Amino acid sequence: MSTARTVLVIGGGAAGNAVTVLLRRAGLRVELVEAKDDWNATAGSGITLQGNALRVLRALGVWERVAQAGFAFDSAGLTAPDGTVLHVARDLRTGGDDLPATVGIERPRLQRILIDAVRASGADVRLGTRAEALEQDGDGVRVRFGDGTEGRYDLVIASDGLGSATRAAIGITDKPEPTGMAVWRVAAPRPAGVVRTDLAYGGPAYIAGYCPTGDTTLYAYVAEDSRDRASIPPETYADEMRRLASAYGGHWTEIVPHITDPAKVNYTWFDRLLVEGSWHRGRVVLAGDAAHCCPPTLAQGAAMSLEDALVLAELLTGADEWDDALLRAYYERRVPRVRAVVEASVLLGRWQLDGVRDADVPGLMGRTMSLLREEP
C-alpha cells in the first residue's frame, strides 16, 4: 500500500488520537484537526477503563504510562446507601490475564498521554480548527476549514464526538437520544480505604459510586433523573451534587466535604446512539462517539471508541484498496459488539429508572463482559 495516502482525522478525543497514532505507525500521512484550542486537555474528572480498553492502549504503546498515572484494581463492590458492603465481586479481565480488570485514571491525564503519543507519531496537528465543508469524488475528499484553508485527502475519519457535525454533513440523520438519567461527577482526594469501585443502588440517587484514579485521587458520581440544564445555575453545581451525595455513608462521608467548587463538578445526561446501516458515506467514515454512544453504566464508552480506532486502522493498513467494501467490513465487524454494549448499558439504566425487573440484568452483563474478552 502506498505511503503517499493521506488521511484527515476530525476530532482529537480517544478514537481520533488512537487512530492517528496507529495510521502514522504504518507510514501514512495523517492530519488531525481539533476544534478546541487546548485539545480538551483539562476537561473532565475521571474515567474507568476496563481491560478491553487497556488492550488497545497497550497496542498504542502507552499502557505503561497509563498504569503509572492511574489506579488498577480487579474487583467491584456493592454497598447499601449507608456504606455497608453487601458484596464484592472479582471482575473479569476482559483485556486478557496479563492486564488488570480495570484502571481508573483522571481524564485529563489520559488525554495528555494520548496527546503526547500523537505528537510523537509525527502527525500534523491543527488546533482551534473545524472542517466546515466536504466535497467528495471517487478518489477522495476536498475539505475546507474554518480558517479558509483547504486540503485534499484520500480518506476522512470523523471522530468529532456525540454531536458530530461531520455525521450530519454526510447525510446521516441519526442523533443521540437522552435516556432519562443524568450524572454528576467530581474529582476528589482518595480516602485510603478506597481501592476499587463501589456502587450503591438506592437512596436519593439511582446510582452513587466512586472510582480510584491514582494514589491520592478518585472521581465520584451520582446519577439521578435528567433535568433541564437551563434550570440548574452552574454556580449551584457543587450544592446540587453535595445534596445528593450527603445521603450516603461509608467513604462518602470523606468525599462529600470536598465537593465545594462548582467549576469542578460536571453534569451530563445519559445518551444513547447507534448509527445503523453503515458508518460511512463515500470516503468519509465515522468512529467513536460520532457513530455510537452508551450510558456509562458499563463503563464502555471510551473502550468502544478505542476499539473502533484499532479495527479501522487494521483494515486500512492491511488493504490495497480503500473502497466501499472495506469500510462496510469495518461496520459489520464492529456493530454486533457495539450494539451488545449499547443495549446492555441502556437496559442497566432502565432497570433503575423504570423499575424494569423482568430482564436478566446480571446475566446480560455477564454475557456482555465475556464478549468483550474476545478480540475486537
Protein backbone atom coordinates (compact mmCIF):
# COMPACT_ATOMS: atom_id res chain seq x y z
CA MET A 1 0.00 0.00 0.00
CA SER A 2 1.34 3.41 -0.94
CA THR A 3 2.54 5.51 1.96
CA ALA A 4 1.54 8.61 -0.02
CA ARG A 5 -2.06 8.13 1.04
CA THR A 6 -3.37 10.92 3.20
CA VAL A 7 -5.94 10.79 5.98
CA LEU A 8 -7.71 13.63 7.76
CA VAL A 9 -8.87 12.85 11.29
CA ILE A 10 -11.52 15.23 12.60
CA GLY A 11 -11.58 15.33 16.40
CA GLY A 12 -8.85 14.66 18.94
CA GLY A 13 -10.62 12.51 21.50
CA ALA A 14 -9.95 8.86 22.29
CA ALA A 15 -10.86 7.50 18.84
CA GLY A 16 -9.21 10.28 16.86
CA ASN A 17 -5.98 10.25 18.82
CA ALA A 18 -5.72 6.47 18.73
CA VAL A 19 -6.36 6.05 15.01
CA THR A 20 -3.88 8.83 14.26
CA VAL A 21 -1.11 7.04 16.17
CA LEU A 22 -1.85 3.70 14.54
CA LEU A 23 -2.01 5.06 10.99
CA ARG A 24 1.18 7.06 11.44
CA ARG A 25 2.92 3.93 12.71
CA ALA A 26 2.04 2.31 9.37
CA GLY A 27 3.63 5.20 7.49
CA LEU A 28 0.52 7.06 6.33
CA ARG A 29 0.36 10.83 6.20
CA VAL A 30 -2.17 11.92 8.81
CA GLU A 31 -3.50 15.35 9.68
CA LEU A 32 -5.57 15.75 12.85
CA VAL A 33 -7.79 18.79 13.35
CA GLU A 34 -9.38 19.58 16.71
CA ALA A 35 -11.87 22.36 17.35
CA LYS A 36 -10.66 23.10 20.89
CA ASP A 37 -7.55 25.24 21.23
CA ASP A 38 -6.38 23.24 24.25
CA TRP A 39 -7.09 19.81 22.68
CA ASN A 40 -9.52 19.13 25.56
CA ALA A 41 -6.51 18.61 27.79
CA THR A 42 -8.13 19.81 31.01
CA ALA A 43 -11.80 18.81 30.68
CA GLY A 44 -13.44 16.08 32.73
CA SER A 45 -12.96 14.41 36.10
CA GLY A 46 -12.18 10.71 35.86
CA ILE A 47 -12.66 7.73 33.60
CA THR A 48 -12.95 3.99 34.18
CA LEU A 49 -11.02 1.86 31.70
CA GLN A 50 -11.77 -1.84 31.60
CA GLY A 51 -9.42 -4.48 30.24
CA ASN A 52 -10.54 -4.29 26.62
CA ALA A 53 -9.68 -0.57 26.61
CA LEU A 54 -6.32 -1.31 28.24
CA ARG A 55 -5.60 -3.83 25.48
CA VAL A 56 -5.90 -1.06 22.87
CA LEU A 57 -3.81 1.35 24.93
CA ARG A 58 -1.10 -1.31 25.04
CA ALA A 59 -1.26 -1.59 21.25
CA LEU A 60 -0.78 2.18 21.10
CA GLY A 61 2.36 1.88 23.21
CA VAL A 62 1.03 3.94 26.12
CA TRP A 63 -0.05 1.24 28.58
CA GLU A 64 2.95 1.70 30.88
CA ARG A 65 2.25 5.42 31.24
CA VAL A 66 -1.44 4.77 31.88
CA ALA A 67 -0.57 2.17 34.52
CA GLN A 68 1.74 4.62 36.28
CA ALA A 69 -0.75 7.50 36.11
CA GLY A 70 -3.87 5.57 37.11
CA PHE A 71 -5.04 3.10 39.74
CA ALA A 72 -5.51 -0.59 38.85
CA PHE A 73 -7.93 -2.96 40.58
CA ASP A 74 -9.65 -6.28 39.96
CA SER A 75 -12.91 -6.15 41.90
CA ALA A 76 -16.07 -4.11 42.38
CA GLY A 77 -18.17 -3.66 45.47
CA LEU A 78 -21.89 -3.34 46.02
CA THR A 79 -22.89 -1.31 49.07
CA ALA A 80 -26.03 -0.21 50.82
CA PRO A 81 -26.69 3.55 50.88
CA ASP A 82 -25.33 3.68 54.44
CA GLY A 83 -22.00 2.32 53.19
CA THR A 84 -22.38 -1.26 54.38
CA VAL A 85 -20.55 -3.52 51.91
CA LEU A 86 -23.03 -6.13 50.68
CA HIS A 87 -20.93 -7.97 48.12
CA VAL A 88 -17.52 -7.79 46.45
CA ALA A 89 -17.16 -9.44 43.05
CA ARG A 90 -13.98 -10.23 41.18
CA ASP A 91 -14.11 -8.51 37.79
CA LEU A 92 -13.45 -10.32 34.53
CA ARG A 93 -10.14 -9.35 32.93
CA THR A 94 -11.57 -8.53 29.52
CA GLY A 95 -8.18 -7.47 28.14
CA GLY A 96 -6.56 -10.80 28.99
CA ASP A 97 -4.97 -12.26 32.10
CA ASP A 98 -1.85 -10.10 31.77
CA LEU A 99 -3.80 -6.86 32.21
CA PRO A 100 -5.82 -5.74 35.24
CA ALA A 101 -9.58 -5.83 35.06
CA THR A 102 -9.89 -2.07 35.50
CA VAL A 103 -7.85 1.10 35.73
CA GLY A 104 -9.28 4.38 36.96
CA ILE A 105 -7.49 7.49 35.73
CA GLU A 106 -8.07 11.22 35.71
CA ARG A 107 -9.42 12.06 32.30
CA PRO A 108 -7.02 14.98 31.71
CA ARG A 109 -4.05 12.70 32.45
CA LEU A 110 -5.26 10.12 29.93
CA GLN A 111 -5.81 12.83 27.33
CA ARG A 112 -2.32 14.21 27.85
CA ILE A 113 -0.83 10.74 27.43
CA LEU A 114 -2.67 10.33 24.13
CA ILE A 115 -1.72 13.85 23.02
CA ASP A 116 1.94 13.05 23.66
CA ALA A 117 1.59 9.87 21.58
CA VAL A 118 0.06 11.80 18.68
CA ARG A 119 2.81 14.42 18.83
CA ALA A 120 5.49 11.71 18.90
CA SER A 121 3.92 9.99 15.89
CA GLY A 122 4.76 12.94 13.64
CA ALA A 123 1.18 13.63 12.63
CA ASP A 124 0.31 17.17 11.54
CA VAL A 125 -1.93 18.67 14.22
CA ARG A 126 -4.07 21.79 13.88
CA LEU A 127 -5.91 23.06 16.95
CA GLY A 128 -8.78 25.51 17.07
CA THR A 129 -9.76 24.32 13.60
CA ARG A 130 -13.01 22.95 12.21
CA ALA A 131 -13.77 21.17 8.96
CA GLU A 132 -16.62 23.24 7.54
CA ALA A 133 -17.27 21.77 4.09
CA LEU A 134 -16.54 18.45 2.42
CA GLU A 135 -16.68 17.71 -1.33
CA GLN A 136 -16.26 14.10 -2.37
CA ASP A 137 -15.41 12.42 -5.65
CA GLY A 138 -14.48 8.85 -6.44
CA ASP A 139 -10.89 9.22 -5.27
CA GLY A 140 -11.02 11.40 -2.19
CA VAL A 141 -12.38 14.34 -0.27
CA ARG A 142 -11.65 18.05 -0.52
CA VAL A 143 -12.13 19.77 2.83
CA ARG A 144 -12.47 23.48 3.53
CA PHE A 145 -11.54 24.58 7.03
CA GLY A 146 -12.81 27.41 9.18
CA ASP A 147 -9.63 29.41 8.69
CA GLY A 148 -10.18 29.48 4.92
CA THR A 149 -7.57 26.86 4.04
CA GLU A 150 -8.32 23.71 2.05
CA GLY A 151 -6.89 20.23 1.79
CA ARG A 152 -7.47 17.05 -0.17
CA TYR A 153 -7.40 13.62 1.43
CA ASP A 154 -7.82 10.01 0.41
CA LEU A 155 -9.99 9.41 3.47
CA VAL A 156 -11.63 11.44 6.21
CA ILE A 157 -12.21 9.84 9.64
CA ALA A 158 -14.88 11.72 11.59
CA SER A 159 -14.28 11.23 15.30
CA ASP A 160 -15.80 14.55 16.27
CA GLY A 161 -17.95 13.27 19.09
CA LEU A 162 -21.56 12.82 20.04
CA GLY A 163 -22.75 16.00 18.34
CA SER A 164 -20.69 15.27 15.21
CA ALA A 165 -21.16 17.95 12.57
CA THR A 166 -19.49 15.65 10.05
CA ARG A 167 -22.11 12.95 10.64
CA ALA A 168 -24.84 15.38 9.67
CA ALA A 169 -22.81 16.82 6.77
CA ILE A 170 -22.59 13.43 5.04
CA GLY A 171 -26.32 12.82 5.35
CA ILE A 172 -26.52 10.51 8.36
CA THR A 173 -29.55 11.72 10.28
CA ASP A 174 -29.15 9.66 13.47
CA LYS A 175 -28.89 11.77 16.60
CA PRO A 176 -28.22 10.93 20.25
CA GLU A 177 -31.32 10.30 22.34
CA PRO A 178 -31.48 11.01 26.08
CA THR A 179 -32.29 8.01 28.25
CA GLY A 180 -33.86 10.00 31.09
CA MET A 181 -30.94 9.81 33.52
CA ALA A 182 -28.10 12.21 34.23
CA VAL A 183 -24.91 12.05 36.26
CA TRP A 184 -23.00 14.43 38.50
CA ARG A 185 -19.22 13.83 38.56
CA VAL A 186 -16.38 15.36 40.55
CA ALA A 187 -12.71 14.67 41.20
CA ALA A 188 -11.72 14.49 44.87
CA PRO A 189 -8.98 13.22 47.19
CA ARG A 190 -8.99 9.44 47.62
CA PRO A 191 -9.62 8.10 51.11
CA ALA A 192 -7.04 5.45 51.93
CA GLY A 193 -9.70 2.74 52.12
CA VAL A 194 -10.96 3.26 48.55
CA VAL A 195 -9.16 0.60 46.49
CA ARG A 196 -11.86 -0.28 43.95
CA THR A 197 -15.15 0.96 42.54
CA ASP A 198 -18.04 0.68 44.98
CA LEU A 199 -21.63 1.21 43.84
CA ALA A 200 -24.73 1.92 45.89
CA TYR A 201 -28.12 1.44 44.23
CA GLY A 202 -30.89 3.26 46.04
CA GLY A 203 -31.12 6.29 48.25
CA PRO A 204 -31.91 9.70 46.74
CA ALA A 205 -29.90 8.84 43.59
CA TYR A 206 -30.28 5.83 41.32
CA ILE A 207 -26.54 5.11 41.50
CA ALA A 208 -23.84 6.51 43.78
CA GLY A 209 -20.30 5.38 43.11
CA TYR A 210 -16.64 6.24 43.06
CA CYS A 211 -13.53 5.04 41.30
CA PRO A 212 -9.91 5.50 42.41
CA THR A 213 -7.87 7.32 39.77
CA GLY A 214 -4.43 7.49 41.39
CA ASP A 215 -2.52 7.22 44.63
CA THR A 216 -4.29 10.26 46.07
CA THR A 217 -7.30 10.85 43.78
CA LEU A 218 -10.67 9.45 42.81
CA TYR A 219 -13.73 10.56 40.94
CA ALA A 220 -17.19 10.25 42.44
CA TYR A 221 -20.57 10.25 40.74
CA VAL A 222 -24.27 10.20 41.48
CA ALA A 223 -26.97 9.51 38.88
CA GLU A 224 -30.49 10.90 39.03
CA ASP A 225 -33.38 11.84 36.73
CA SER A 226 -32.23 14.18 33.97
CA ARG A 227 -33.23 17.80 34.42
CA ASP A 228 -33.26 20.78 32.10
CA ARG A 229 -29.72 22.13 32.31
CA ALA A 230 -31.04 25.66 32.00
CA SER A 231 -32.90 25.19 35.28
CA ILE A 232 -29.67 24.48 37.19
CA PRO A 233 -27.44 27.54 37.62
CA PRO A 234 -23.79 26.48 37.15
CA GLU A 235 -22.81 28.19 40.39
CA THR A 236 -25.03 25.68 42.27
CA TYR A 237 -23.49 22.52 40.80
CA ALA A 238 -21.47 21.70 43.92
CA ASP A 239 -24.50 22.31 46.14
CA GLU A 240 -26.67 20.04 43.98
CA MET A 241 -24.19 17.17 43.94
CA ARG A 242 -23.38 17.55 47.63
CA ARG A 243 -27.09 17.42 48.48
CA LEU A 244 -27.45 14.04 46.75
CA ALA A 245 -24.14 12.61 47.91
CA SER A 246 -24.63 13.61 51.56
CA ALA A 247 -27.26 10.91 51.97
CA TYR A 248 -24.65 8.16 51.52
CA GLY A 249 -22.42 6.69 54.20
CA GLY A 250 -19.15 4.83 54.30
CA HIS A 251 -16.38 6.54 52.31
CA TRP A 252 -18.86 9.14 51.07
CA THR A 253 -18.52 10.92 54.42
CA GLU A 254 -14.87 11.58 53.50
CA ILE A 255 -15.64 12.53 49.89
CA VAL A 256 -18.57 14.92 50.37
CA PRO A 257 -16.63 17.65 52.23
CA HIS A 258 -14.51 18.11 49.09
CA ILE A 259 -17.49 18.81 46.81
CA THR A 260 -17.23 22.57 47.13
CA ASP A 261 -16.12 24.06 43.81
CA PRO A 262 -18.96 24.23 41.23
CA ALA A 263 -16.44 24.68 38.42
CA LYS A 264 -15.07 21.20 39.16
CA VAL A 265 -18.47 19.47 39.09
CA ASN A 266 -19.66 18.09 35.77
CA TYR A 267 -23.32 17.42 34.92
CA THR A 268 -24.08 15.21 31.91
CA TRP A 269 -27.16 13.46 30.56
CA PHE A 270 -27.06 9.76 29.70
CA ASP A 271 -27.46 9.42 25.93
CA ARG A 272 -27.87 6.55 23.50
CA LEU A 273 -26.75 6.47 19.86
CA LEU A 274 -26.12 3.68 17.40
CA VAL A 275 -25.87 4.52 13.73
CA GLU A 276 -27.33 1.58 11.81
CA GLY A 277 -26.75 0.52 8.21
CA SER A 278 -23.21 1.81 7.72
CA TRP A 279 -20.78 4.22 9.34
CA HIS A 280 -19.52 5.76 6.11
CA ARG A 281 -20.59 7.71 3.06
CA GLY A 282 -18.07 7.55 0.25
CA ARG A 283 -14.61 8.36 1.62
CA VAL A 284 -15.85 9.74 4.97
CA VAL A 285 -16.17 7.27 7.86
CA LEU A 286 -17.34 7.68 11.46
CA ALA A 287 -15.55 6.43 14.55
CA GLY A 288 -16.15 6.64 18.28
CA ASP A 289 -18.98 8.72 19.72
CA ALA A 290 -19.81 10.07 16.28
CA ALA A 291 -21.09 6.56 15.42
CA HIS A 292 -22.30 5.32 18.81
CA CYS A 293 -22.53 6.14 22.48
CA CYS A 294 -23.99 4.48 25.53
CA PRO A 295 -24.79 5.40 29.12
CA PRO A 296 -21.74 4.93 31.38
CA THR A 297 -23.44 2.14 33.32
CA LEU A 298 -20.96 -0.43 31.94
CA ALA A 299 -18.02 2.00 31.67
CA GLN A 300 -17.51 1.10 28.00
CA GLY A 301 -17.77 4.42 26.13
CA ALA A 302 -14.04 5.09 25.75
CA ALA A 303 -13.34 1.39 25.25
CA MET A 304 -15.68 1.19 22.26
CA SER A 305 -14.07 4.30 20.74
CA LEU A 306 -10.57 2.89 21.19
CA GLU A 307 -11.62 -0.42 19.66
CA ASP A 308 -13.05 1.41 16.64
CA ALA A 309 -9.67 3.03 16.09
CA LEU A 310 -7.84 -0.30 16.36
CA VAL A 311 -10.11 -2.13 13.92
CA LEU A 312 -10.30 0.71 11.39
CA ALA A 313 -6.53 1.18 11.38
CA GLU A 314 -6.01 -2.57 10.98
CA LEU A 315 -8.29 -2.69 7.95
CA LEU A 316 -6.90 0.45 6.32
CA THR A 317 -3.27 -0.56 6.71
CA GLY A 318 -3.91 -4.11 5.54
CA ALA A 319 -5.77 -3.32 2.31
CA ASP A 320 -4.59 -2.32 -1.16
CA GLU A 321 -7.92 -0.66 -1.97
CA TRP A 322 -9.83 1.75 0.23
CA ASP A 323 -13.23 1.07 -1.20
CA ASP A 324 -16.83 0.71 -0.09
CA ALA A 325 -16.35 -2.98 0.69
CA LEU A 326 -13.54 -2.24 3.15
CA LEU A 327 -15.48 0.45 5.01
CA ARG A 328 -18.52 -1.77 5.03
CA ALA A 329 -16.40 -4.54 6.57
CA TYR A 330 -15.38 -2.14 9.35
CA TYR A 331 -19.04 -1.51 10.19
CA GLU A 332 -20.00 -5.18 10.00
CA ARG A 333 -17.13 -6.19 12.26
CA ARG A 334 -17.83 -3.53 14.86
CA VAL A 335 -21.61 -3.20 15.01
CA PRO A 336 -22.55 -6.52 16.73
CA ARG A 337 -20.17 -5.83 19.59
CA VAL A 338 -21.12 -2.17 19.89
CA ARG A 339 -24.83 -2.98 19.74
CA ALA A 340 -24.46 -5.50 22.58
CA VAL A 341 -22.72 -2.88 24.73
CA VAL A 342 -25.20 -0.12 23.94
CA GLU A 343 -28.21 -2.34 24.63
CA ALA A 344 -26.78 -3.72 27.87
CA SER A 345 -25.81 -0.23 29.08
CA VAL A 346 -29.27 1.16 28.32
CA LEU A 347 -31.03 -1.80 29.95
CA LEU A 348 -28.99 -1.45 33.12
CA GLY A 349 -30.06 2.19 33.30
CA ARG A 350 -33.70 1.32 32.66
CA TRP A 351 -33.50 -1.30 35.40
CA GLN A 352 -33.02 1.62 37.77
CA LEU A 353 -35.04 4.33 36.05
CA ASP A 354 -38.20 2.39 35.18
CA GLY A 355 -38.04 -0.40 37.71
CA VAL A 356 -37.68 -2.98 34.93
CA ARG A 357 -37.31 -6.28 36.74
CA ASP A 358 -38.28 -8.81 34.10
CA ALA A 359 -34.88 -8.76 32.40
CA ASP A 360 -31.94 -10.91 33.46
CA VAL A 361 -29.66 -7.94 34.01
CA PRO A 362 -26.83 -9.84 35.78
CA GLY A 363 -26.90 -12.48 33.06
CA LEU A 364 -26.88 -9.87 30.31
CA MET A 365 -23.99 -8.06 31.92
CA GLY A 366 -22.04 -11.28 32.32
CA ARG A 367 -22.57 -12.24 28.67
CA THR A 368 -21.59 -8.79 27.50
CA MET A 369 -18.40 -8.70 29.55
CA SER A 370 -17.47 -12.19 28.33
CA LEU A 371 -17.94 -10.99 24.75
CA LEU A 372 -15.54 -8.12 25.43
CA ARG A 373 -12.80 -10.59 26.36
CA GLU A 374 -12.72 -11.60 22.68
CA GLU A 375 -10.56 -9.60 20.28
CA PRO A 376 -12.50 -6.66 18.76
